[in-house]
Amino acid sequence: MPAKVLSSAILGIDAYVVDVEASLSGAKLPRFITVGLPEGAVKESKERVTAAIKNSGFKFPRKHVTVNLAPADIRKEGSAFDLPIAIGILAAMGYIQKEYLDKLMMLGELALDGTLRPVKGTLPIAICARDKGIKGIILPEENAREAGIVDEVKVVGAKSLMEVVQILNDELDKEPVVVDRHELFHSNLHYHLDFTDVKGQEHVKRALEVAAAGGHNLIMIGPPGSGKTMLSKRIPTILPDLTLEEALQTTKIHSVAGVMPQGEGIIATRPFRSPHHTISDAGLIGGGAIPRPGEVSLSHNGVLFLDELPEFKKNVLEVMRQPLEDGVVTIARAAVSLSYPSRFMLVAAMNPCPCGYATDAHNECSCTSQMIQKYMSRISGPLLDRIDIHVEVPAVPFTELADRDPGEPSKAVKSRVQDAKQVQLNRYENAPIFSNSQMESNDLKKYCQLSKEAGALLKTAMDKLGLSARAYDRILKVSRTIADLSHAKDIDATHLSEAIQYRSLDRQLWLG
């Protein structure tokens, strides 16, 4: 009699149920065949499964073994089907009681000696099991903590194929994993960096505070060694804490990508991703022969830091425009179209010129104006249009480096950022907006009214500083955030003048 075992696979960042059916036939020569659109790792599972069954003390059938993965019209990839395939074969041979097979979901990679190895995507799989009314999951012990976050599903971690057989035959009573996800969430909510480590750069810290409060994308321009990377790494410490819902969504993405930190069941801190400038467009956006999340999705609910921005390939930067605008990446293939969330804060850093010393008072710049112009032109206008704040980062003087007094801690800055965020949530309560950076033109007219004095100041700035037309909306959005940080209802000239300072790349000084 054929046997059926419930398993699961990932499509995008969500999971779906896969029926693993095993049938034995003595009418043909011994053979092991897997059908149901298996990819390479699934096809190779027959070798792992065969060795694991034999090395666990069972006889492998000298029959024609057919394994079907249904639904058969969706490609299956990964090694997580090893365990359900082995259990299906053993059940078809009569080694396992079948009464529990339709109530449990199973997944796990098998080593040749029958031990279970961890797999990726267990959190979305556990969510799928709960939504489909499946009461329990058996999976490798290393994945049990992550899957145990999901309520209403009993999660049992096993060490080996033999242990799973004993559990199914009621020969081994193993307690389900119990995870207090609120306690786990708060225990993992800890950053190892702090703004108190940063010497000087008070105006840059202020710009980062404004960016964090309004969800604004930001670029820093300064010579090598001025602290751009150090400042960027500490931005997550001043962002509002992840909600539990955001943490679960972030964890799903990291779980599917297989980059979950060992031993952690949930991502409790905001992600910080810093890909090298040699990254491909598929690495940044996601995709590949077997689509997986890229860096923009791994940065979801966190920070994507692009150091040496002009060194990135132009086509790589251009494909980032859509996720910056929509907060989601859509990857279309002939057979399927997948979407990955990608709402992140973009933080970029760059030198002011190819040699890096155009704005450094202590080092002489060796670049001509044509070289600087060519270097700056590597950043396209449409991408620059999506960056609200430009801030210059000068080299830190020795007196500030030698100062032993600690800087303002991240906790104090975060408190102000959270207050400003709450103001925005209250303001946009009935609108699909979560931060000032997401305002559209009609929202600017409604929430960014300028006094006569402020309007005159903005007109003067546009004319005298050579600001581009695209800077107008950005200045209004940043002004609104600065006013929120000041607990001011209306935007006045002081808020506007500070926002104007954050548009250095729009000035004729840079773009000619």
Protein backbone atom coordinates (compact mmCIF):
# COMPACT_ATOMS: atom_id res chain seq x y z
CA MET A 1 0.00 0.00 0.00
CA PRO A 2 1.31 3.46 -0.83
CA ALA A 3 2.06 5.78 2.08
CA LYS A 4 1.58 9.54 2.23
CA VAL A 5 3.56 11.93 4.45
CA LEU A 6 2.85 15.64 4.83
CA SER A 7 5.70 18.04 4.21
CA SER A 8 6.11 21.61 2.99
CA ALA A 9 8.08 23.84 0.62
CA ILE A 10 8.74 27.56 0.26
CA LEU A 11 7.34 29.81 -2.47
CA GLY A 12 8.57 33.37 -2.03
CA ILE A 13 8.55 33.90 1.73
CA ASP A 14 5.46 31.75 2.31
CA ALA A 15 5.08 27.98 2.47
CA TYR A 16 2.63 25.50 0.99
CA VAL A 17 1.82 21.88 1.84
CA VAL A 18 3.52 19.12 -0.17
CA ASP A 19 2.19 15.55 -0.12
CA VAL A 20 5.09 13.08 -0.26
CA GLU A 21 3.71 9.81 -1.63
CA ALA A 22 5.79 6.61 -1.65
CA SER A 23 4.85 3.46 -3.53
CA LEU A 24 6.66 0.10 -3.76
CA SER A 25 6.29 -2.26 -6.71
CA GLY A 26 7.82 -5.70 -7.18
CA ALA A 27 6.86 -6.01 -10.84
CA LYS A 28 9.93 -4.15 -12.07
CA LEU A 29 13.65 -4.18 -11.49
CA PRO A 30 14.82 -2.39 -8.31
CA ARG A 31 14.90 1.32 -8.91
CA PHE A 32 14.37 4.58 -7.00
CA ILE A 33 12.66 7.37 -8.92
CA THR A 34 11.36 10.76 -7.71
CA VAL A 35 8.71 12.66 -9.68
CA GLY A 36 6.84 15.93 -9.11
CA LEU A 37 9.31 18.44 -10.64
CA PRO A 38 12.24 17.83 -8.27
CA GLU A 39 15.30 20.08 -8.58
CA GLY A 40 18.89 18.88 -8.17
CA ALA A 41 19.04 18.61 -4.36
CA VAL A 42 15.71 16.73 -4.32
CA LYS A 43 16.85 14.30 -7.02
CA GLU A 44 20.00 13.58 -5.03
CA SER A 45 17.94 12.79 -1.94
CA LYS A 46 17.55 9.17 -3.06
CA GLU A 47 21.24 8.56 -2.33
CA ARG A 48 21.01 10.15 1.13
CA VAL A 49 17.72 8.43 1.93
CA THR A 50 18.96 5.00 0.83
CA ALA A 51 22.12 5.24 2.95
CA ALA A 52 20.25 6.73 5.95
CA ILE A 53 17.65 3.93 5.96
CA LYS A 54 20.31 1.20 5.77
CA ASN A 55 22.57 2.82 8.38
CA SER A 56 19.63 3.25 10.75
CA GLY A 57 19.19 -0.54 10.91
CA PHE A 58 16.37 -0.97 8.37
CA LYS A 59 16.37 -2.99 5.16
CA PHE A 60 15.96 -0.97 2.02
CA PRO A 61 13.36 -2.56 -0.30
CA ARG A 62 14.69 -4.38 -3.36
CA LYS A 63 11.73 -3.09 -5.33
CA HIS A 64 10.77 -0.31 -7.69
CA VAL A 65 10.37 2.72 -5.41
CA THR A 66 8.36 5.67 -6.72
CA VAL A 67 8.18 8.92 -4.76
CA ASN A 68 5.77 11.62 -5.88
CA LEU A 69 5.85 15.21 -4.61
CA ALA A 70 2.42 16.81 -5.03
CA PRO A 71 1.36 19.27 -6.31
CA ALA A 72 3.39 18.08 -9.25
CA ASP A 73 3.24 21.35 -11.24
CA ILE A 74 5.46 23.38 -8.86
CA ARG A 75 9.22 22.87 -8.81
CA LYS A 76 10.60 21.52 -5.52
CA GLU A 77 14.10 22.38 -4.31
CA GLY A 78 16.21 21.86 -1.20
CA SER A 79 17.06 18.96 1.05
CA ALA A 80 14.11 19.24 3.48
CA PHE A 81 12.25 16.39 1.73
CA ASP A 82 14.82 13.79 2.85
CA LEU A 83 12.99 12.93 6.08
CA PRO A 84 9.44 12.70 4.68
CA ILE A 85 10.68 10.58 1.76
CA ALA A 86 12.45 8.17 4.13
CA ILE A 87 9.41 8.00 6.43
CA GLY A 88 7.13 7.39 3.43
CA ILE A 89 9.26 4.48 2.24
CA LEU A 90 9.47 2.96 5.73
CA ALA A 91 5.70 3.36 6.17
CA ALA A 92 5.07 1.65 2.83
CA MET A 93 7.27 -1.23 4.03
CA GLY A 94 5.29 -1.54 7.28
CA TYR A 95 7.96 -0.29 9.68
CA ILE A 96 5.81 2.66 10.82
CA GLN A 97 2.24 3.04 12.03
CA LYS A 98 0.35 5.21 9.57
CA GLU A 99 -2.24 6.65 11.95
CA TYR A 100 -0.21 9.83 12.66
CA LEU A 101 1.05 10.52 9.15
CA ASP A 102 -1.94 12.63 8.09
CA LYS A 103 -1.75 14.75 11.26
CA LEU A 104 1.95 15.67 11.24
CA MET A 105 4.18 17.65 8.94
CA MET A 106 7.81 16.51 8.56
CA LEU A 107 10.95 18.04 7.15
CA GLY A 108 14.68 17.64 7.55
CA GLU A 109 17.90 16.78 5.73
CA LEU A 110 19.38 13.35 6.35
CA ALA A 111 23.04 12.60 6.80
CA LEU A 112 24.28 9.26 5.51
CA ASP A 113 24.27 7.82 9.04
CA GLY A 114 20.64 8.81 9.58
CA THR A 115 21.15 11.90 11.72
CA LEU A 116 19.04 14.96 10.98
CA ARG A 117 20.55 18.23 9.77
CA PRO A 118 18.83 21.65 9.93
CA VAL A 119 17.00 23.15 6.98
CA LYS A 120 15.88 26.67 6.12
CA GLY A 121 12.43 28.22 6.04
CA THR A 122 11.03 26.51 9.14
CA LEU A 123 9.17 29.58 10.45
CA PRO A 124 6.98 30.10 7.35
CA ILE A 125 6.48 26.32 7.23
CA ALA A 126 5.22 26.30 10.83
CA ILE A 127 2.88 29.20 9.99
CA CYS A 128 1.60 27.22 7.00
CA ALA A 129 0.97 24.17 9.22
CA ARG A 130 -1.02 26.29 11.66
CA ASP A 131 -3.09 27.89 8.89
CA LYS A 132 -3.87 24.48 7.34
CA GLY A 133 -4.96 22.99 10.68
CA ILE A 134 -2.00 20.59 10.94
CA LYS A 135 -1.44 19.93 14.63
CA GLY A 136 2.25 19.05 14.75
CA ILE A 137 5.66 19.19 13.07
CA ILE A 138 8.65 16.89 13.39
CA LEU A 139 11.91 18.47 12.29
CA PRO A 140 15.63 18.67 13.23
CA GLU A 141 16.34 19.80 16.79
CA GLU A 142 18.30 22.83 15.56
CA ASN A 143 15.15 24.18 13.88
CA ALA A 144 12.74 23.46 16.73
CA ARG A 145 13.20 26.79 18.53
CA GLU A 146 12.47 28.80 15.40
CA ALA A 147 9.35 26.80 14.47
CA GLY A 148 8.20 26.77 18.10
CA ILE A 149 7.49 30.50 17.92
CA VAL A 150 4.22 29.70 16.15
CA ASP A 151 1.31 29.09 18.50
CA GLU A 152 -1.22 26.25 18.09
CA VAL A 153 1.32 23.88 16.50
CA LYS A 154 3.18 21.22 18.48
CA VAL A 155 6.83 21.20 17.42
CA VAL A 156 9.02 18.19 18.15
CA GLY A 157 12.74 18.24 17.46
CA ALA A 158 14.48 14.97 16.57
CA LYS A 159 18.12 13.97 16.27
CA SER A 160 17.86 11.10 13.79
CA LEU A 161 15.68 9.05 11.47
CA MET A 162 15.53 6.28 14.07
CA GLU A 163 14.24 8.74 16.67
CA VAL A 164 11.46 9.90 14.33
CA VAL A 165 10.42 6.27 13.72
CA GLN A 166 10.29 5.66 17.48
CA ILE A 167 8.15 8.78 17.99
CA LEU A 168 5.68 7.69 15.30
CA ASN A 169 5.47 4.17 16.73
CA ASP A 170 4.85 5.47 20.29
CA GLU A 171 8.14 3.94 21.40
CA LEU A 172 9.59 7.32 22.40
CA ASP A 173 7.70 10.06 24.20
CA LYS A 174 9.28 13.40 23.41
CA GLU A 175 7.90 16.67 24.77
CA PRO A 176 7.04 19.40 22.25
CA VAL A 177 9.22 22.49 22.28
CA VAL A 178 7.62 25.35 24.20
CA VAL A 179 8.78 28.86 23.32
CA ASP A 180 7.65 32.03 25.07
CA ARG A 181 8.04 34.26 22.05
CA HIS A 182 7.59 37.49 24.03
CA GLU A 183 10.39 36.49 26.39
CA LEU A 184 12.54 35.30 23.48
CA PHE A 185 11.87 38.55 21.61
CA HIS A 186 12.93 40.75 24.53
CA SER A 187 15.96 38.59 25.40
CA ASN A 188 17.29 39.02 21.84
CA LEU A 189 16.55 42.76 21.75
CA HIS A 190 20.10 43.97 22.31
CA TYR A 191 22.56 45.99 20.24
CA HIS A 192 26.31 45.72 20.70
CA LEU A 193 27.00 49.20 19.30
CA ASP A 194 26.09 52.63 20.63
CA PHE A 195 26.34 56.25 19.51
CA THR A 196 28.23 57.04 22.68
CA ASP A 197 31.30 55.53 20.95
CA VAL A 198 31.30 58.24 18.25
CA LYS A 199 33.55 61.25 18.85
CA GLY A 200 32.43 64.60 17.46
CA GLN A 201 30.30 64.78 14.27
CA GLU A 202 27.40 66.34 16.17
CA HIS A 203 25.78 67.78 13.04
CA VAL A 204 25.98 64.37 11.33
CA LYS A 205 24.39 62.67 14.34
CA ARG A 206 21.62 65.24 14.14
CA ALA A 207 21.06 64.41 10.45
CA LEU A 208 20.90 60.69 11.28
CA GLU A 209 18.36 61.43 14.02
CA VAL A 210 16.19 63.34 11.55
CA ALA A 211 16.51 60.52 8.99
CA ALA A 212 15.56 57.88 11.56
CA ALA A 213 12.59 59.90 12.83
CA GLY A 214 11.06 60.41 9.39
CA GLY A 215 12.18 57.23 7.64
CA HIS A 216 14.27 59.28 5.21
CA ASN A 217 16.94 57.81 2.97
CA LEU A 218 20.34 59.43 3.53
CA ILE A 219 23.73 59.81 1.90
CA MET A 220 26.96 60.89 3.64
CA ILE A 221 29.79 62.56 1.74
CA GLY A 222 33.21 62.82 3.34
CA PRO A 223 36.91 61.90 3.12
CA PRO A 224 38.21 58.45 4.09
CA GLY A 225 38.38 57.90 7.85
CA SER A 226 35.79 60.52 8.75
CA GLY A 227 33.53 57.94 10.40
CA LYS A 228 30.85 57.35 7.76
CA THR A 229 30.76 53.57 8.25
CA MET A 230 30.98 53.82 12.04
CA LEU A 231 28.00 56.18 12.12
CA SER A 232 25.98 54.04 9.70
CA LYS A 233 26.38 50.87 11.75
CA ARG A 234 24.82 52.61 14.73
CA ILE A 235 21.68 53.83 12.96
CA PRO A 236 19.62 50.71 13.91
CA THR A 237 20.25 51.55 17.59
CA ILE A 238 18.24 54.79 17.30
CA LEU A 239 15.39 53.39 15.21
CA PRO A 240 12.17 52.46 17.07
CA ASP A 241 12.14 48.87 18.33
CA LEU A 242 10.65 46.23 16.05
CA THR A 243 7.11 45.24 16.88
CA LEU A 244 6.52 41.51 17.32
CA GLU A 245 4.70 41.42 13.98
CA GLU A 246 7.63 43.14 12.23
CA ALA A 247 10.05 40.75 13.94
CA LEU A 248 8.14 37.71 12.68
CA GLN A 249 8.06 39.05 9.13
CA THR A 250 11.78 39.84 9.24
CA THR A 251 12.51 36.39 10.65
CA LYS A 252 10.56 34.75 7.82
CA ILE A 253 12.75 36.43 5.21
CA HIS A 254 15.99 35.52 6.97
CA SER A 255 14.77 31.96 7.52
CA VAL A 256 13.88 31.48 3.84
CA ALA A 257 17.28 32.89 2.82
CA GLY A 258 19.02 30.53 5.25
CA VAL A 259 20.85 33.31 7.12
CA MET A 260 19.24 32.95 10.55
CA PRO A 261 21.82 33.32 13.36
CA GLN A 262 22.56 29.96 14.99
CA GLY A 263 20.48 29.37 18.10
CA GLU A 264 18.19 32.39 17.67
CA GLY A 265 14.52 31.70 17.10
CA ILE A 266 13.57 35.24 16.12
CA ILE A 267 15.17 38.39 14.69
CA ALA A 268 14.50 40.97 17.40
CA THR A 269 16.79 43.82 16.26
CA ARG A 270 16.49 45.83 13.09
CA PRO A 271 18.62 44.33 10.31
CA PHE A 272 21.74 46.10 9.05
CA ARG A 273 23.01 44.87 5.70
CA SER A 274 26.16 46.17 4.03
CA PRO A 275 26.83 44.44 0.68
CA HIS A 276 30.15 44.95 -1.12
CA HIS A 277 30.13 47.17 -4.20
CA THR A 278 30.92 44.16 -6.43
CA ILE A 279 27.45 42.69 -5.75
CA SER A 280 25.31 41.71 -8.75
CA ASP A 281 21.81 42.99 -9.40
CA ALA A 282 20.39 39.54 -8.49
CA GLY A 283 22.35 39.59 -5.23
CA LEU A 284 20.99 43.01 -4.34
CA ILE A 285 17.38 42.64 -5.51
CA GLY A 286 16.97 38.87 -5.33
CA GLY A 287 16.39 36.22 -7.94
CA GLY A 288 18.60 33.58 -9.48
CA ALA A 289 17.75 30.25 -11.09
CA ILE A 290 16.01 29.35 -7.83
CA PRO A 291 14.71 32.75 -6.63
CA ARG A 292 15.77 33.81 -3.16
CA PRO A 293 15.59 37.14 -1.27
CA GLY A 294 18.30 39.68 -2.01
CA GLU A 295 19.94 42.28 0.21
CA VAL A 296 17.07 44.75 -0.13
CA SER A 297 14.68 42.16 1.32
CA LEU A 298 17.11 41.04 4.02
CA SER A 299 17.15 44.75 4.99
CA HIS A 300 13.36 44.83 5.34
CA ASN A 301 12.38 46.79 8.49
CA GLY A 302 16.02 47.81 8.87
CA VAL A 303 18.92 49.56 7.17
CA LEU A 304 20.63 48.89 3.82
CA PHE A 305 24.08 50.51 3.82
CA LEU A 306 25.87 51.04 0.51
CA ASP A 307 29.44 52.14 1.12
CA GLU A 308 31.41 53.73 -1.76
CA LEU A 309 28.16 54.30 -3.65
CA PRO A 310 29.74 55.43 -6.97
CA GLU A 311 31.70 52.16 -7.12
CA PHE A 312 28.52 50.10 -7.49
CA LYS A 313 27.66 49.12 -11.05
CA LYS A 314 25.13 51.49 -12.54
CA ASN A 315 22.68 48.74 -13.52
CA VAL A 316 22.78 47.43 -9.93
CA LEU A 317 21.83 50.82 -8.52
CA GLU A 318 19.12 51.35 -11.12
CA VAL A 319 17.24 48.14 -10.27
CA MET A 320 16.96 49.40 -6.69
CA ARG A 321 14.62 52.23 -7.69
CA GLN A 322 11.48 50.09 -7.77
CA PRO A 323 11.82 48.60 -4.27
CA LEU A 324 12.68 52.04 -2.90
CA GLU A 325 9.44 53.36 -4.37
CA ASP A 326 7.08 50.43 -3.75
CA GLY A 327 8.55 48.69 -0.69
CA VAL A 328 8.33 45.33 -2.46
CA VAL A 329 10.41 43.38 -5.01
CA THR A 330 8.64 41.39 -7.69
CA ILE A 331 10.64 38.67 -9.45
CA ALA A 332 8.94 37.26 -12.54
CA ARG A 333 9.86 33.93 -14.06
CA ALA A 334 8.22 31.91 -16.81
CA ALA A 335 6.57 29.55 -14.34
CA VAL A 336 6.00 31.79 -11.34
CA SER A 337 6.05 35.38 -10.08
CA LEU A 338 7.32 35.98 -6.54
CA SER A 339 7.19 39.04 -4.29
CA TYR A 340 9.53 39.83 -1.41
CA PRO A 341 8.93 42.74 1.00
CA SER A 342 11.67 45.39 0.93
CA ARG A 343 10.75 48.42 3.00
CA PHE A 344 14.09 49.63 4.31
CA MET A 345 16.02 52.80 5.10
CA LEU A 346 18.74 53.38 2.50
CA VAL A 347 21.97 54.83 3.90
CA ALA A 348 24.78 55.47 1.42
CA ALA A 349 28.31 56.80 1.82
CA MET A 350 30.80 58.16 -0.68
CA ASN A 351 33.95 60.22 -1.05
CA PRO A 352 33.59 63.76 -2.43
CA CYS A 353 35.97 62.93 -5.29
CA PRO A 354 37.99 59.98 -6.66
CA CYS A 355 40.95 60.62 -4.34
CA GLY A 356 38.63 61.39 -1.43
CA TYR A 357 40.15 64.65 -0.18
CA ALA A 358 38.20 67.40 -1.99
CA THR A 359 36.63 68.58 1.28
CA ASP A 360 39.52 67.72 3.61
CA ALA A 361 41.37 70.80 4.91
CA HIS A 362 44.41 68.75 5.91
CA ASN A 363 45.00 66.82 2.68
CA GLU A 364 45.41 68.15 -0.83
CA CYS A 365 42.99 66.93 -3.51
CA SER A 366 44.64 65.73 -6.73
CA CYS A 367 41.45 65.59 -8.80
CA THR A 368 40.46 67.96 -11.59
CA SER A 369 36.95 69.38 -11.82
CA GLN A 370 36.27 67.07 -14.79
CA MET A 371 37.31 64.05 -12.73
CA ILE A 372 35.02 65.11 -9.88
CA GLN A 373 32.14 65.72 -12.29
CA LYS A 374 32.58 62.27 -13.88
CA TYR A 375 32.81 60.62 -10.45
CA MET A 376 29.62 62.30 -9.19
CA SER A 377 27.73 61.50 -12.39
CA ARG A 378 27.95 57.77 -11.57
CA ILE A 379 24.96 58.35 -9.30
CA SER A 380 21.89 58.73 -11.48
CA GLY A 381 19.37 61.51 -10.99
CA PRO A 382 16.41 59.12 -10.47
CA LEU A 383 18.25 57.32 -7.65
CA LEU A 384 19.37 60.59 -6.08
CA ASP A 385 15.76 61.73 -6.31
CA ARG A 386 14.85 59.04 -3.79
CA ILE A 387 17.39 60.20 -1.18
CA ASP A 388 16.01 62.90 1.09
CA ILE A 389 19.06 63.90 3.13
CA HIS A 390 22.60 64.67 1.95
CA VAL A 391 25.08 65.42 4.73
CA GLU A 392 28.77 66.26 4.55
CA VAL A 393 31.02 64.41 7.01
CA PRO A 394 34.32 66.22 7.66
CA ALA A 395 37.43 64.64 9.12
CA VAL A 396 37.34 64.59 12.92
CA PRO A 397 39.81 67.04 14.57
CA PHE A 398 42.36 65.64 17.04
CA THR A 399 40.83 67.57 19.93
CA GLU A 400 37.53 65.75 19.49
CA LEU A 401 39.21 62.37 19.03
CA ALA A 402 41.16 62.87 22.26
CA ASP A 403 38.07 63.96 24.20
CA ARG A 404 37.38 61.38 26.91
CA ASP A 405 33.80 62.48 27.53
CA PRO A 406 31.33 59.94 26.09
CA GLY A 407 28.88 61.08 23.45
CA GLU A 408 25.12 61.03 23.77
CA PRO A 409 23.92 57.41 24.08
CA SER A 410 21.67 55.81 21.48
CA LYS A 411 18.95 55.36 24.09
CA ALA A 412 18.48 59.12 24.46
CA VAL A 413 18.35 59.68 20.70
CA LYS A 414 15.95 56.76 20.24
CA SER A 415 13.57 58.30 22.78
CA ARG A 416 13.25 61.47 20.68
CA VAL A 417 12.91 59.43 17.48
CA GLN A 418 10.09 57.34 18.96
CA ASP A 419 8.25 60.47 20.11
CA ALA A 420 8.44 61.90 16.59
CA LYS A 421 7.31 58.57 15.12
CA GLN A 422 4.27 58.56 17.39
CA VAL A 423 3.36 62.05 16.20
CA GLN A 424 3.43 60.77 12.62
CA LEU A 425 1.37 57.67 13.42
CA ASN A 426 -1.27 59.88 15.02
CA ARG A 427 -1.24 62.31 12.08
CA TYR A 428 -1.58 59.61 9.42
CA GLU A 429 -3.97 57.42 11.38
CA ASN A 430 -6.52 57.35 8.57
CA ALA A 431 -4.02 57.26 5.70
CA PRO A 432 -1.77 54.49 4.31
CA ILE A 433 1.33 56.38 5.49
CA PHE A 434 3.66 55.39 8.32
CA SER A 435 6.33 58.09 8.11
CA ASN A 436 6.91 61.53 6.63
CA SER A 437 9.13 60.13 3.87
CA GLN A 438 6.11 58.36 2.35
CA MET A 439 4.06 61.52 1.77
CA GLU A 440 2.86 62.19 -1.77
CA SER A 441 2.24 65.59 -3.39
CA ASN A 442 -1.32 65.89 -2.09
CA ASP A 443 -0.10 65.02 1.42
CA LEU A 444 2.53 67.74 1.25
CA LYS A 445 -0.15 70.32 0.48
CA LYS A 446 -2.16 69.14 3.46
CA TYR A 447 0.53 68.63 6.11
CA CYS A 448 3.38 70.95 5.03
CA GLN A 449 1.85 74.38 4.85
CA LEU A 450 4.49 77.14 4.91
CA SER A 451 4.22 80.58 6.41
CA LYS A 452 4.93 83.57 4.19
CA GLU A 453 8.39 83.92 5.77
CA ALA A 454 9.21 80.22 5.31
CA GLY A 455 7.99 80.28 1.72
CA ALA A 456 10.23 83.25 0.91
CA LEU A 457 13.18 81.46 2.51
CA LEU A 458 12.62 78.35 0.37
CA LYS A 459 12.36 80.44 -2.80
CA THR A 460 15.62 82.21 -1.97
CA ALA A 461 17.35 78.89 -1.31
CA MET A 462 16.17 77.42 -4.59
CA ASP A 463 17.50 80.44 -6.49
CA LYS A 464 20.72 81.28 -4.62
CA LEU A 465 22.01 77.75 -3.85
CA GLY A 466 21.12 76.29 -7.22
CA LEU A 467 18.87 73.61 -5.75
CA SER A 468 17.11 71.41 -8.27
CA ALA A 469 13.37 71.19 -8.64
CA ARG A 470 13.38 67.65 -7.26
CA ALA A 471 14.77 68.99 -3.98
CA TYR A 472 11.56 70.91 -3.25
CA ASP A 473 9.43 67.97 -2.07
CA ARG A 474 12.36 66.45 -0.17
CA ILE A 475 12.97 69.67 1.75
CA LEU A 476 9.32 69.84 2.75
CA LYS A 477 9.30 66.24 3.99
CA VAL A 478 12.47 66.69 6.02
CA SER A 479 11.16 70.00 7.38
CA ARG A 480 8.05 68.23 8.58
CA THR A 481 10.19 65.68 10.44
CA ILE A 482 12.35 68.38 12.03
CA ALA A 483 9.18 70.12 13.21
CA ASP A 484 7.91 66.82 14.68
CA LEU A 485 11.18 66.39 16.60
CA SER A 486 10.65 69.89 17.98
CA HIS A 487 7.02 69.08 18.89
CA ALA A 488 5.95 71.95 16.63
CA LYS A 489 2.59 71.85 14.89
CA ASP A 490 3.65 74.05 11.98
CA ILE A 491 6.82 74.29 9.89
CA ASP A 492 8.68 77.54 10.51
CA ALA A 493 11.78 79.11 8.99
CA THR A 494 14.19 77.42 11.42
CA HIS A 495 12.91 73.94 10.49
CA LEU A 496 13.09 74.82 6.82
CA SER A 497 16.62 76.26 7.00
CA GLU A 498 17.93 73.08 8.64
CA ALA A 499 16.30 70.93 5.96
CA ILE A 500 17.86 73.06 3.22
CA GLN A 501 21.31 72.30 4.63
CA TYR A 502 20.68 68.59 3.94
CA ARG A 503 20.67 69.00 0.12
CA SER A 504 24.39 69.42 -0.64
CA LEU A 505 24.39 67.09 -3.67
CA ASP A 506 21.77 69.23 -5.39
CA ARG A 507 23.95 72.33 -5.25
CA GLN A 508 25.85 73.58 -8.29
CA LEU A 509 29.03 73.05 -6.25
CA TRP A 510 28.65 69.31 -6.89
CA LEU A 511 26.65 68.83 -10.05
CA GLY A 512 27.85 71.83 -12.03
